[in-house]
Amino acid sequence: MKKARYERLLRRAKTEDLTEVSGIGCLYQSGVDRLGRPVVVFVGKWFPFNKINLDKALLYLIMLLDPIVKGDYVIAYFHTLTSNSNYPSFSWLKDVYNVLPYKYKKNLKAFYIMMTWWFTTFMAPAIKQKVHSLPGVEYLYTVMSPDQLEIPAFITEYDMTINGIRYFQPGAPT
């Protein structure tokens, strides 16, 4: 039953017009990490939860991720300057989690969360050990090259105001 629902959603994702969601720019693939795994970026500030068609948001997520999750992948979630209007409800998150097949969870190798801790509190046990809460963008550079990470300028600008302009250099003495 779960597989049939996902297959229906996947068919819809491939045929419906999802520009309403794709144009927001809150979810996209950005390069690969140092192990060659695709990096999926989610920008929390740009997810207008209260104003978006959540059905289409789910379809866009499936359309984008289905080809990626056939192999290993990582997610980088940026919580920078996110407000209450950008927080999806836990019931919607649970529904999304429940509709996604096992390959999404199995092939997710790391979930990097920038600048928040609350998200990990509610993480599903199946992926909790894959979650890494990082204090700043530069810490991602240990796992992915900066030229592989395309993120909005407001994130790095905010990060520099919080963490300073001297970025952490992987392998350098701290």
Foldseek 3Di string as FASTA:
>chain_A
DLVVVLVVLQVCLVPDDLCQPVVLVQWAWFAAWPVRAIEIEGELQSQQQVPDDLSSVLSPVCNHCVVRLVAAHEYEYECPPHDPRSDHDVVSVVVSVSSDDPSNLVRHQAYEYEDDDVVLVPDDPSCSVRYDYDDADLVSCVTHPPNRDDDDPVRVVVRCVVPNPDGDDPPDDD
